[in-house]
Amino acid sequence: MGLILANVFLYLCAIAVGIMSYYMADRKHRKAFLEARQSLEVKMNLEEQSQQQENLMLSILPKHVADEMLKDMKKDESQKDQQQFNTMYMYRHENVSILFADIVGFTQLSSACSAQELVKLLNELFARFDKLAAKYHQLRIKILGDCYYCICGLP
């Protein structure tokens, strides 16, 4: 009888050790999975932010300037620390035209129209400007209030 109890006790201990080993391994695998998932989420978030940053730069800068800036931003930090001054991204261009189109009497017009009419009028006017700019290979730089800025003669 004592031998049977000893064997039962031994089997129970072996089962307990197996369960504990399985539990510890399972926790370790779950933790590794969660860490891998978090790492992947961070990587995807960084890629998305990088794409947003690139899109923002391309929306305000010509592609060749934005590409050069992005290339410089990706350089080693050690190279950046050695520079005393920031890089200037300026280029000389010949035969460039800049258009500043401002509506004369806009303040009087805005007081005479409702906000909806004014927005509709500006939208229609600037849409025409955009069509003409595209037709004549111009680049709209900015619309600020009632002023339309565009350039031509740049690559």
Protein backbone atom coordinates (compact mmCIF):
# COMPACT_ATOMS: atom_id res chain seq x y z
CA MET A 1 0.00 0.00 0.00
CA GLY A 2 2.85 2.35 0.80
CA LEU A 3 4.40 1.69 -2.61
CA ILE A 4 1.13 2.58 -4.38
CA LEU A 5 0.85 5.82 -2.42
CA ALA A 6 4.46 6.66 -3.25
CA ASN A 7 3.83 6.02 -6.97
CA VAL A 8 0.61 8.10 -6.90
CA PHE A 9 2.47 10.90 -5.15
CA LEU A 10 5.30 10.66 -7.69
CA TYR A 11 2.83 10.78 -10.62
CA LEU A 12 1.01 13.75 -9.07
CA CYS A 13 4.31 15.59 -8.64
CA ALA A 14 5.28 14.82 -12.25
CA ILE A 15 1.88 16.05 -13.46
CA ALA A 16 2.21 19.22 -11.34
CA VAL A 17 5.69 19.88 -12.75
CA GLY A 18 4.37 19.30 -16.29
CA ILE A 19 1.44 21.65 -15.74
CA MET A 20 3.73 24.33 -14.29
CA SER A 21 6.17 23.90 -17.16
CA TYR A 22 3.34 24.16 -19.71
CA TYR A 23 1.89 27.22 -17.92
CA MET A 24 5.27 28.99 -17.83
CA ALA A 25 5.99 28.20 -21.51
CA ASP A 26 2.49 29.35 -22.50
CA ARG A 27 2.94 32.66 -20.65
CA LYS A 28 6.33 33.12 -22.28
CA HIS A 29 4.87 32.51 -25.76
CA ARG A 30 1.95 34.85 -25.12
CA LYS A 31 4.27 37.58 -23.89
CA ALA A 32 6.53 37.13 -26.94
CA PHE A 33 3.48 37.30 -29.22
CA LEU A 34 2.23 40.51 -27.57
CA GLU A 35 5.68 42.10 -27.79
CA ALA A 36 5.94 41.16 -31.47
CA ARG A 37 2.47 42.58 -32.08
CA GLN A 38 3.33 45.83 -30.30
CA SER A 39 6.58 46.08 -32.24
CA LEU A 40 4.70 45.58 -35.51
CA GLU A 41 2.13 48.22 -34.54
CA VAL A 42 4.89 50.71 -33.72
CA LYS A 43 6.64 49.94 -37.03
CA MET A 44 3.41 50.41 -38.99
CA ASN A 45 2.69 53.64 -37.12
CA LEU A 46 6.18 54.96 -37.90
CA GLU A 47 5.80 54.05 -41.57
CA GLU A 48 2.43 55.82 -41.69
CA GLN A 49 3.87 58.93 -40.03
CA SER A 50 6.83 58.86 -42.40
CA GLN A 51 4.47 58.67 -45.37
CA GLN A 52 2.39 61.55 -43.98
CA GLN A 53 5.55 63.61 -43.49
CA GLU A 54 6.63 62.89 -47.06
CA ASN A 55 3.18 63.76 -48.43
CA LEU A 56 3.19 67.01 -46.46
CA MET A 57 6.61 67.95 -47.82
CA LEU A 58 5.53 67.10 -51.38
CA SER A 59 2.43 69.25 -50.97
CA ILE A 60 4.48 72.37 -50.26
CA LEU A 61 7.81 71.73 -52.00
CA PRO A 62 8.86 70.63 -55.47
CA LYS A 63 9.62 66.91 -55.65
CA HIS A 64 13.36 67.29 -56.27
CA VAL A 65 13.77 69.57 -53.23
CA ALA A 66 11.60 67.36 -51.01
CA ASP A 67 13.55 64.26 -52.10
CA GLU A 68 16.85 65.96 -51.26
CA MET A 69 15.55 67.06 -47.86
CA LEU A 70 14.26 63.57 -47.07
CA LYS A 71 17.60 62.07 -48.10
CA ASP A 72 19.42 64.51 -45.80
CA MET A 73 17.02 63.76 -42.94
CA LYS A 74 17.82 60.04 -43.20
CA LYS A 75 21.58 60.59 -42.84
CA ASP A 76 23.36 59.45 -39.70
CA GLU A 77 22.91 61.63 -36.63
CA SER A 78 26.70 61.75 -36.28
CA GLN A 79 27.00 63.55 -39.59
CA LYS A 80 24.33 66.05 -38.55
CA ASP A 81 26.12 66.89 -35.30
CA GLN A 82 29.27 67.85 -37.19
CA GLN A 83 27.44 70.45 -39.28
CA GLN A 84 27.44 73.96 -37.87
CA PHE A 85 24.76 75.33 -40.17
CA ASN A 86 21.58 73.98 -41.70
CA THR A 87 21.62 73.02 -45.35
CA MET A 88 20.08 75.60 -47.65
CA TYR A 89 17.96 74.16 -50.45
CA MET A 90 18.14 77.08 -52.86
CA TYR A 91 18.57 76.96 -56.60
CA ARG A 92 18.87 79.69 -59.18
CA HIS A 93 16.20 79.67 -61.90
CA GLU A 94 15.96 81.95 -64.91
CA ASN A 95 12.72 83.30 -66.42
CA VAL A 96 10.43 82.67 -63.48
CA SER A 97 7.12 84.50 -63.13
CA ILE A 98 5.17 84.99 -59.92
CA LEU A 99 1.51 85.99 -59.88
CA PHE A 100 -0.19 87.59 -56.89
CA ALA A 101 -3.88 88.00 -57.72
CA ASP A 102 -5.75 89.98 -55.08
CA ILE A 103 -9.42 90.99 -55.28
CA VAL A 104 -9.79 94.77 -55.18
CA GLY A 105 -12.59 95.87 -52.86
CA PHE A 106 -12.84 92.48 -51.17
CA THR A 107 -13.74 94.00 -47.79
CA GLN A 108 -16.68 95.88 -49.30
CA LEU A 109 -17.71 92.78 -51.25
CA SER A 110 -17.59 90.62 -48.13
CA SER A 111 -19.80 93.03 -46.20
CA ALA A 112 -22.33 93.13 -49.07
CA CYS A 113 -22.60 89.32 -49.50
CA SER A 114 -23.56 86.51 -47.16
CA ALA A 115 -20.81 84.15 -46.05
CA GLN A 116 -22.17 81.36 -48.26
CA GLU A 117 -22.27 83.58 -51.34
CA LEU A 118 -18.76 84.83 -50.67
CA VAL A 119 -17.35 81.32 -50.23
CA LYS A 120 -19.13 80.18 -53.40
CA LEU A 121 -17.78 83.17 -55.35
CA LEU A 122 -14.20 82.60 -54.14
CA ASN A 123 -14.45 78.88 -54.81
CA GLU A 124 -15.63 79.45 -58.38
CA LEU A 125 -13.00 82.13 -59.02
CA PHE A 126 -10.11 80.10 -57.63
CA ALA A 127 -11.32 76.97 -59.46
CA ARG A 128 -11.08 78.96 -62.72
CA PHE A 129 -7.61 80.14 -61.72
CA ASP A 130 -6.59 76.53 -61.05
CA LYS A 131 -7.86 75.39 -64.46
CA LEU A 132 -5.96 78.18 -66.21
CA ALA A 133 -2.86 77.47 -64.14
CA ALA A 134 -2.98 73.81 -65.17
CA LYS A 135 -3.57 74.75 -68.81
CA TYR A 136 -0.52 77.04 -68.88
CA HIS A 137 1.71 74.81 -66.72
CA GLN A 138 1.73 77.05 -63.68
CA LEU A 139 1.93 75.92 -60.07
CA ARG A 140 -0.43 77.32 -57.47
CA ILE A 141 1.54 78.04 -54.35
CA LYS A 142 -1.12 79.27 -51.98
CA ILE A 143 -4.55 80.75 -51.54
CA LEU A 144 -4.61 83.14 -48.62
CA GLY A 145 -7.96 84.79 -48.03
CA ASP A 146 -8.75 86.54 -51.30
CA CYS A 147 -5.20 86.33 -52.69
CA TYR A 148 -4.08 83.69 -55.19
CA TYR A 149 -0.34 82.96 -55.56
CA CYS A 150 1.09 80.97 -58.46
CA ILE A 151 4.39 80.62 -60.30
CA CYS A 152 5.59 79.45 -63.67
CA GLY A 153 8.98 78.78 -65.20
CA LEU A 154 10.16 76.32 -62.54
CA PRO A 155 10.84 72.63 -63.10
